[in-house]
Amino acid sequence: MALAAARFFGRRAAPPPGEGTRIMDKDRIKGTAKQAEGAVKEGFGKLTGDKALEVEGKIEKVEGKVQKTYGQAKDDLRKA
């Protein structure tokens, strides 16, 4: 009944527990943050001409991508 009423009034009903809910793995979030941090370091290294900082930023970006991929794999296994 609540679902029919929600549709009638143009609102979405909340999905049942465990259905349609997406919880992103912590590694995906941390990996994305690490990629962003690496991009900032790389850009700042390019701007200042600091090759060591630029390389450090590139390494962090790759580390972040690996961590994000690992989190995605964990999410996929959880869904299966």
PDB file of N, CA and C in Angstrom:
ATOM      1  N   MET A   1       0.823  -1.191   0.000  1.00  0.00           N
ATOM      2  CA  MET A   1       0.000   0.000   0.000  1.00  0.00           C
ATOM      3  C   MET A   1       0.867   1.256   0.000  1.00  0.00           C
ATOM      4  N   ALA A   2       1.924   1.244   0.813  1.00  0.00           N
ATOM      5  CA  ALA A   2       2.793   2.415   0.895  1.00  0.00           C
ATOM      6  C   ALA A   2       3.469   2.676  -0.446  1.00  0.00           C
ATOM      7  N   LEU A   3       3.850   1.604  -1.133  1.00  0.00           N
ATOM      8  CA  LEU A   3       4.501   1.746  -2.437  1.00  0.00           C
ATOM      9  C   LEU A   3       3.549   2.368  -3.440  1.00  0.00           C
ATOM     10  N   ALA A   4       2.289   1.933  -3.438  1.00  0.00           N
ATOM     11  CA  ALA A   4       1.291   2.487  -4.350  1.00  0.00           C
ATOM     12  C   ALA A   4       1.048   3.963  -4.036  1.00  0.00           C
ATOM     13  N   ALA A   5       0.984   4.291  -2.759  1.00  0.00           N
ATOM     14  CA  ALA A   5       0.769   5.685  -2.369  1.00  0.00           C
ATOM     15  C   ALA A   5       1.962   6.538  -2.770  1.00  0.00           C
ATOM     16  N   ALA A   6       3.153   6.001  -2.601  1.00  0.00           N
ATOM     17  CA  ALA A   6       4.355   6.751  -2.968  1.00  0.00           C
ATOM     18  C   ALA A   6       4.377   7.019  -4.466  1.00  0.00           C
ATOM     19  N   ARG A   7       4.000   6.028  -5.240  1.00  0.00           N
ATOM     20  CA  ARG A   7       3.954   6.226  -6.703  1.00  0.00           C
ATOM     21  C   ARG A   7       2.882   7.255  -7.072  1.00  0.00           C
ATOM     22  N   PHE A   8       1.741   7.206  -6.394  1.00  0.00           N
ATOM     23  CA  PHE A   8       0.653   8.127  -6.701  1.00  0.00           C
ATOM     24  C   PHE A   8       1.065   9.564  -6.458  1.00  0.00           C
ATOM     25  N   PHE A   9       1.798   9.797  -5.373  1.00  0.00           N
ATOM     26  CA  PHE A   9       2.205  11.147  -5.041  1.00  0.00           C
ATOM     27  C   PHE A   9       3.535  11.539  -5.664  1.00  0.00           C
ATOM     28  N   GLY A  10       4.084  10.692  -6.523  1.00  0.00           N
ATOM     29  CA  GLY A  10       5.306  11.027  -7.246  1.00  0.00           C
ATOM     30  C   GLY A  10       6.570  10.896  -6.420  1.00  0.00           C
ATOM     31  N   ARG A  11       6.511  10.178  -5.328  1.00  0.00           N
ATOM     32  CA  ARG A  11       7.694   9.985  -4.495  1.00  0.00           C
ATOM     33  C   ARG A  11       8.199   8.562  -4.678  1.00  0.00           C
ATOM     34  N   ARG A  12       9.474   8.413  -4.431  1.00  0.00           N
ATOM     35  CA  ARG A  12      10.052   7.072  -4.472  1.00  0.00           C
ATOM     36  C   ARG A  12       9.931   6.434  -3.104  1.00  0.00           C
ATOM     37  N   ALA A  13       9.565   5.181  -3.105  1.00  0.00           N
ATOM     38  CA  ALA A  13       9.544   4.447  -1.843  1.00  0.00           C
ATOM     39  C   ALA A  13      10.959   3.957  -1.569  1.00  0.00           C
ATOM     40  N   ALA A  14      11.309   3.862  -0.308  1.00  0.00           N
ATOM     41  CA  ALA A  14      12.635   3.370   0.058  1.00  0.00           C
ATOM     42  C   ALA A  14      12.738   1.894  -0.319  1.00  0.00           C
ATOM     43  N   PRO A  15      13.882   1.479  -0.877  1.00  0.00           N
ATOM     44  CA  PRO A  15      14.021   0.067  -1.234  1.00  0.00           C
ATOM     45  C   PRO A  15      14.081  -0.794   0.020  1.00  0.00           C
ATOM     46  N   PRO A  16      13.642  -2.039  -0.088  1.00  0.00           N
ATOM     47  CA  PRO A  16      13.730  -2.933   1.067  1.00  0.00           C
ATOM     48  C   PRO A  16      15.183  -3.089   1.505  1.00  0.00           C
ATOM     49  N   PRO A  17      15.420  -3.387   2.773  1.00  0.00           N
ATOM     50  CA  PRO A  17      16.796  -3.550   3.260  1.00  0.00           C
ATOM     51  C   PRO A  17      17.563  -4.586   2.452  1.00  0.00           C
ATOM     52  N   GLY A  18      18.792  -4.227   2.099  1.00  0.00           N
ATOM     53  CA  GLY A  18      19.634  -5.145   1.333  1.00  0.00           C
ATOM     54  C   GLY A  18      19.367  -5.115  -0.157  1.00  0.00           C
ATOM     55  N   GLU A  19      18.386  -4.362  -0.569  1.00  0.00           N
ATOM     56  CA  GLU A  19      18.047  -4.318  -1.990  1.00  0.00           C
ATOM     57  C   GLU A  19      18.224  -2.889  -2.502  1.00  0.00           C
ATOM     58  N   GLY A  20      19.082  -2.720  -3.463  1.00  0.00           N
ATOM     59  CA  GLY A  20      19.297  -1.407  -4.043  1.00  0.00           C
ATOM     60  C   GLY A  20      20.207  -0.498  -3.238  1.00  0.00           C
ATOM     61  N   THR A  21      20.720  -0.975  -2.141  1.00  0.00           N
ATOM     62  CA  THR A  21      21.637  -0.150  -1.369  1.00  0.00           C
ATOM     63  C   THR A  21      23.052  -0.410  -1.835  1.00  0.00           C
ATOM     64  N   ARG A  22      23.827   0.632  -1.959  1.00  0.00           N
ATOM     65  CA  ARG A  22      25.208   0.502  -2.403  1.00  0.00           C
ATOM     66  C   ARG A  22      26.113   1.103  -1.344  1.00  0.00           C
ATOM     67  N   ILE A  23      26.981   0.274  -0.832  1.00  0.00           N
ATOM     68  CA  ILE A  23      27.969   0.749   0.118  1.00  0.00           C
ATOM     69  C   ILE A  23      29.319   0.627  -0.557  1.00  0.00           C
ATOM     70  N   MET A  24      29.975   1.753  -0.736  1.00  0.00           N
ATOM     71  CA  MET A  24      31.262   1.752  -1.415  1.00  0.00           C
ATOM     72  C   MET A  24      32.344   1.319  -0.430  1.00  0.00           C
ATOM     73  N   ASP A  25      33.232   0.480  -0.910  1.00  0.00           N
ATOM     74  CA  ASP A  25      34.317  -0.013  -0.089  1.00  0.00           C
ATOM     75  C   ASP A  25      35.252   1.130   0.300  1.00  0.00           C
ATOM     76  N   LYS A  26      35.802   1.048   1.507  1.00  0.00           N
ATOM     77  CA  LYS A  26      36.709   2.086   2.016  1.00  0.00           C
ATOM     78  C   LYS A  26      37.939   2.236   1.133  1.00  0.00           C
ATOM     79  N   ASP A  27      38.402   1.129   0.553  1.00  0.00           N
ATOM     80  CA  ASP A  27      39.584   1.201  -0.304  1.00  0.00           C
ATOM     81  C   ASP A  27      39.319   2.019  -1.564  1.00  0.00           C
ATOM     82  N   ARG A  28      38.105   1.963  -2.069  1.00  0.00           N
ATOM     83  CA  ARG A  28      37.773   2.791  -3.244  1.00  0.00           C
ATOM     84  C   ARG A  28      37.841   4.268  -2.889  1.00  0.00           C
ATOM     85  N   ILE A  29      37.318   4.615  -1.726  1.00  0.00           N
ATOM     86  CA  ILE A  29      37.311   6.012  -1.297  1.00  0.00           C
ATOM     87  C   ILE A  29      38.736   6.497  -1.039  1.00  0.00           C
ATOM     88  N   LYS A  30      39.502   5.693  -0.298  1.00  0.00           N
ATOM     89  CA  LYS A  30      40.883   6.068  -0.001  1.00  0.00           C
ATOM     90  C   LYS A  30      41.719   6.145  -1.269  1.00  0.00           C
ATOM     91  N   GLY A  31      41.477   5.222  -2.193  1.00  0.00           N
ATOM     92  CA  GLY A  31      42.218   5.233  -3.455  1.00  0.00           C
ATOM     93  C   GLY A  31      41.935   6.476  -4.277  1.00  0.00           C
ATOM     94  N   THR A  32      40.678   6.878  -4.309  1.00  0.00           N
ATOM     95  CA  THR A  32      40.307   8.090  -5.038  1.00  0.00           C
ATOM     96  C   THR A  32      40.962   9.315  -4.408  1.00  0.00           C
ATOM     97  N   ALA A  33      40.967   9.364  -3.076  1.00  0.00           N
ATOM     98  CA  ALA A  33      41.606  10.487  -2.382  1.00  0.00           C
ATOM     99  C   ALA A  33      43.108  10.509  -2.659  1.00  0.00           C
ATOM    100  N   LYS A  34      43.721   9.338  -2.670  1.00  0.00           N
ATOM    101  CA  LYS A  34      45.166   9.266  -2.913  1.00  0.00           C
ATOM    102  C   LYS A  34      45.489   9.692  -4.351  1.00  0.00           C
ATOM    103  N   GLN A  35      44.631   9.336  -5.292  1.00  0.00           N
ATOM    104  CA  GLN A  35      44.828   9.770  -6.676  1.00  0.00           C
ATOM    105  C   GLN A  35      44.761  11.295  -6.765  1.00  0.00           C
ATOM    106  N   ALA A  36      43.802  11.885  -6.087  1.00  0.00           N
ATOM    107  CA  ALA A  36      43.660  13.343  -6.113  1.00  0.00           C
ATOM    108  C   ALA A  36      44.873  14.018  -5.470  1.00  0.00           C
ATOM    109  N   GLU A  37      45.322  13.469  -4.348  1.00  0.00           N
ATOM    110  CA  GLU A  37      46.489  14.023  -3.675  1.00  0.00           C
ATOM    111  C   GLU A  37      47.727  13.926  -4.580  1.00  0.00           C
ATOM    112  N   GLY A  38      47.857  12.800  -5.263  1.00  0.00           N
ATOM    113  CA  GLY A  38      48.979  12.624  -6.180  1.00  0.00           C
ATOM    114  C   GLY A  38      48.934  13.602  -7.337  1.00  0.00           C
ATOM    115  N   ALA A  39      47.729  13.852  -7.842  1.00  0.00           N
ATOM    116  CA  ALA A  39      47.577  14.798  -8.942  1.00  0.00           C
ATOM    117  C   ALA A  39      47.983  16.209  -8.515  1.00  0.00           C
ATOM    118  N   VAL A  40      47.618  16.569  -7.278  1.00  0.00           N
ATOM    119  CA  VAL A  40      47.986  17.891  -6.763  1.00  0.00           C
ATOM    120  C   VAL A  40      49.513  17.987  -6.633  1.00  0.00           C
ATOM    121  N   LYS A  41      50.125  16.958  -6.057  1.00  0.00           N
ATOM    122  CA  LYS A  41      51.585  16.961  -5.903  1.00  0.00           C
ATOM    123  C   LYS A  41      52.273  17.024  -7.261  1.00  0.00           C
ATOM    124  N   GLU A  42      51.783  16.243  -8.206  1.00  0.00           N
ATOM    125  CA  GLU A  42      52.376  16.237  -9.542  1.00  0.00           C
ATOM    126  C   GLU A  42      52.266  17.620 -10.187  1.00  0.00           C
ATOM    127  N   GLY A  43      51.088  18.213 -10.081  1.00  0.00           N
ATOM    128  CA  GLY A  43      50.897  19.546 -10.649  1.00  0.00           C
ATOM    129  C   GLY A  43      51.768  20.594  -9.996  1.00  0.00           C
ATOM    130  N   PHE A  44      51.876  20.518  -8.671  1.00  0.00           N
ATOM    131  CA  PHE A  44      52.712  21.478  -7.958  1.00  0.00           C
ATOM    132  C   PHE A  44      54.186  21.268  -8.317  1.00  0.00           C
ATOM    133  N   GLY A  45      54.568  20.006  -8.490  1.00  0.00           N
ATOM    134  CA  GLY A  45      55.943  19.709  -8.899  1.00  0.00           C
ATOM    135  C   GLY A  45      56.256  20.271 -10.272  1.00  0.00           C
ATOM    136  N   LYS A  46      55.302  20.149 -11.192  1.00  0.00           N
ATOM    137  CA  LYS A  46      55.487  20.709 -12.539  1.00  0.00           C
ATOM    138  C   LYS A  46      55.579  22.232 -12.476  1.00  0.00           C
ATOM    139  N   LEU A  47      54.698  22.819 -11.654  1.00  0.00           N
ATOM    140  CA  LEU A  47      54.645  24.270 -11.544  1.00  0.00           C
ATOM    141  C   LEU A  47      55.946  24.850 -10.989  1.00  0.00           C
ATOM    142  N   THR A  48      56.499  24.179  -9.988  1.00  0.00           N
ATOM    143  CA  THR A  48      57.712  24.694  -9.347  1.00  0.00           C
ATOM    144  C   THR A  48      58.997  24.153  -9.969  1.00  0.00           C
ATOM    145  N   GLY A  49      58.853  23.191 -10.879  1.00  0.00           N
ATOM    146  CA  GLY A  49      60.035  22.600 -11.506  1.00  0.00           C
ATOM    147  C   GLY A  49      60.725  21.573 -10.620  1.00  0.00           C
ATOM    148  N   ASP A  50      60.025  21.093  -9.606  1.00  0.00           N
ATOM    149  CA  ASP A  50      60.573  20.104  -8.672  1.00  0.00           C
ATOM    150  C   ASP A  50      60.261  18.702  -9.211  1.00  0.00           C
ATOM    151  N   LYS A  51      61.245  18.096  -9.861  1.00  0.00           N
ATOM    152  CA  LYS A  51      61.050  16.783 -10.483  1.00  0.00           C
ATOM    153  C   LYS A  51      60.752  15.707  -9.452  1.00  0.00           C
ATOM    154  N   ALA A  52      61.385  15.788  -8.275  1.00  0.00           N
ATOM    155  CA  ALA A  52      61.160  14.775  -7.237  1.00  0.00           C
ATOM    156  C   ALA A  52      59.703  14.789  -6.766  1.00  0.00           C
ATOM    157  N   LEU A  53      59.145  15.969  -6.567  1.00  0.00           N
ATOM    158  CA  LEU A  53      57.756  16.095  -6.146  1.00  0.00           C
ATOM    159  C   LEU A  53      56.812  15.625  -7.254  1.00  0.00           C
ATOM    160  N   GLU A  54      57.174  15.933  -8.486  1.00  0.00           N
ATOM    161  CA  GLU A  54      56.371  15.498  -9.627  1.00  0.00           C
ATOM    162  C   GLU A  54      56.323  13.969  -9.708  1.00  0.00           C
ATOM    163  N   VAL A  55      57.467  13.330  -9.533  1.00  0.00           N
ATOM    164  CA  VAL A  55      57.530  11.870  -9.568  1.00  0.00           C
ATOM    165  C   VAL A  55      56.783  11.270  -8.383  1.00  0.00           C
ATOM    166  N   GLU A  56      56.936  11.883  -7.223  1.00  0.00           N
ATOM    167  CA  GLU A  56      56.215  11.411  -6.036  1.00  0.00           C
ATOM    168  C   GLU A  56      54.705  11.460  -6.264  1.00  0.00           C
ATOM    169  N   GLY A  57      54.251  12.522  -6.915  1.00  0.00           N
ATOM    170  CA  GLY A  57      52.828  12.650  -7.229  1.00  0.00           C
ATOM    171  C   GLY A  57      52.360  11.580  -8.197  1.00  0.00           C
ATOM    172  N   LYS A  58      53.184  11.282  -9.196  1.00  0.00           N
ATOM    173  CA  LYS A  58      52.816  10.238 -10.159  1.00  0.00           C
ATOM    174  C   LYS A  58      52.729   8.877  -9.468  1.00  0.00           C
ATOM    175  N   ILE A  59      53.660   8.621  -8.557  1.00  0.00           N
ATOM    176  CA  ILE A  59      53.652   7.354  -7.823  1.00  0.00           C
ATOM    177  C   ILE A  59      52.391   7.248  -6.964  1.00  0.00           C
ATOM    178  N   GLU A  60      52.026   8.335  -6.300  1.00  0.00           N
ATOM    179  CA  GLU A  60      50.822   8.326  -5.468  1.00  0.00           C
ATOM    180  C   GLU A  60      49.572   8.099  -6.303  1.00  0.00           C
ATOM    181  N   LYS A  61      49.542   8.675  -7.497  1.00  0.00           N
ATOM    182  CA  LYS A  61      48.399   8.461  -8.377  1.00  0.00           C
ATOM    183  C   LYS A  61      48.259   6.984  -8.729  1.00  0.00           C
ATOM    184  N   VAL A  62      49.372   6.334  -9.034  1.00  0.00           N
ATOM    185  CA  VAL A  62      49.334   4.909  -9.379  1.00  0.00           C
ATOM    186  C   VAL A  62      48.920   4.080  -8.158  1.00  0.00           C
ATOM    187  N   GLU A  63      49.475   4.409  -6.987  1.00  0.00           N
ATOM    188  CA  GLU A  63      49.090   3.705  -5.759  1.00  0.00           C
ATOM    189  C   GLU A  63      47.594   3.850  -5.503  1.00  0.00           C
ATOM    190  N   GLY A  64      47.077   5.045  -5.712  1.00  0.00           N
ATOM    191  CA  GLY A  64      45.649   5.287  -5.526  1.00  0.00           C
ATOM    192  C   GLY A  64      44.803   4.498  -6.498  1.00  0.00           C
ATOM    193  N   LYS A  65      45.268   4.402  -7.730  1.00  0.00           N
ATOM    194  CA  LYS A  65      44.519   3.651  -8.731  1.00  0.00           C
ATOM    195  C   LYS A  65      44.474   2.168  -8.374  1.00  0.00           C
ATOM    196  N   VAL A  66      45.609   1.641  -7.885  1.00  0.00           N
ATOM    197  CA  VAL A  66      45.659   0.237  -7.480  1.00  0.00           C
ATOM    198  C   VAL A  66      44.712  -0.004  -6.303  1.00  0.00           C
ATOM    199  N   GLN A  67      44.743   0.893  -5.318  1.00  0.00           N
ATOM    200  CA  GLN A  67      43.885   0.745  -4.149  1.00  0.00           C
ATOM    201  C   GLN A  67      42.412   0.836  -4.538  1.00  0.00           C
ATOM    202  N   LYS A  68      42.085   1.731  -5.438  1.00  0.00           N
ATOM    203  CA  LYS A  68      40.710   1.889  -5.894  1.00  0.00           C
ATOM    204  C   LYS A  68      40.243   0.640  -6.642  1.00  0.00           C
ATOM    205  N   THR A  69      41.113   0.080  -7.471  1.00  0.00           N
ATOM    206  CA  THR A  69      40.778  -1.141  -8.202  1.00  0.00           C
ATOM    207  C   THR A  69      40.560  -2.307  -7.243  1.00  0.00           C
ATOM    208  N   TYR A  70      41.387  -2.387  -6.203  1.00  0.00           N
ATOM    209  CA  TYR A  70      41.238  -3.419  -5.187  1.00  0.00           C
ATOM    210  C   TYR A  70      39.878  -3.288  -4.491  1.00  0.00           C
ATOM    211  N   GLY A  71      39.503  -2.080  -4.157  1.00  0.00           N
ATOM    212  CA  GLY A  71      38.200  -1.841  -3.533  1.00  0.00           C
ATOM    213  C   GLY A  71      37.052  -2.199  -4.456  1.00  0.00           C
ATOM    214  N   GLN A  72      37.201  -1.911  -5.739  1.00  0.00           N
ATOM    215  CA  GLN A  72      36.173  -2.257  -6.723  1.00  0.00           C
ATOM    216  C   GLN A  72      36.021  -3.774  -6.812  1.00  0.00           C
ATOM    217  N   ALA A  73      37.148  -4.492  -6.779  1.00  0.00           N
ATOM    218  CA  ALA A  73      37.097  -5.948  -6.830  1.00  0.00           C
ATOM    219  C   ALA A  73      36.385  -6.501  -5.596  1.00  0.00           C
ATOM    220  N   LYS A  74      36.648  -5.914  -4.431  1.00  0.00           N
ATOM    221  CA  LYS A  74      35.984  -6.342  -3.210  1.00  0.00           C
ATOM    222  C   LYS A  74      34.475  -6.083  -3.303  1.00  0.00           C
ATOM    223  N   ASP A  75      34.094  -4.935  -3.877  1.00  0.00           N
ATOM    224  CA  ASP A  75      32.676  -4.637  -4.071  1.00  0.00           C
ATOM    225  C   ASP A  75      32.027  -5.649  -5.002  1.00  0.00           C
ATOM    226  N   ASP A  76      32.713  -5.980  -6.087  1.00  0.00           N
ATOM    227  CA  ASP A  76      32.167  -6.934  -7.053  1.00  0.00           C
ATOM    228  C   ASP A  76      31.984  -8.310  -6.422  1.00  0.00           C
ATOM    229  N   LEU A  77      32.945  -8.717  -5.584  1.00  0.00           N
ATOM    230  CA  LEU A  77      32.815 -10.009  -4.901  1.00  0.00           C
ATOM    231  C   LEU A  77      31.660  -9.993  -3.912  1.00  0.00           C
ATOM    232  N   ARG A  78      31.462  -8.860  -3.276  1.00  0.00           N
ATOM    233  CA  ARG A  78      30.369  -8.739  -2.307  1.00  0.00           C
ATOM    234  C   ARG A  78      29.020  -8.838  -3.008  1.00  0.00           C
ATOM    235  N   LYS A  79      28.932  -8.305  -4.229  1.00  0.00           N
ATOM    236  CA  LYS A  79      27.673  -8.345  -4.983  1.00  0.00           C
ATOM    237  C   LYS A  79      27.363  -9.747  -5.482  1.00  0.00           C
ATOM    238  N   ALA A  80      28.406 -10.518  -5.785  1.00  0.00           N
ATOM    239  CA  ALA A  80      28.208 -11.853  -6.384  1.00  0.00           C
ATOM    240  C   ALA A  80      27.682 -12.857  -5.402  1.00  0.00           C
TER     241      ALA A  80
END
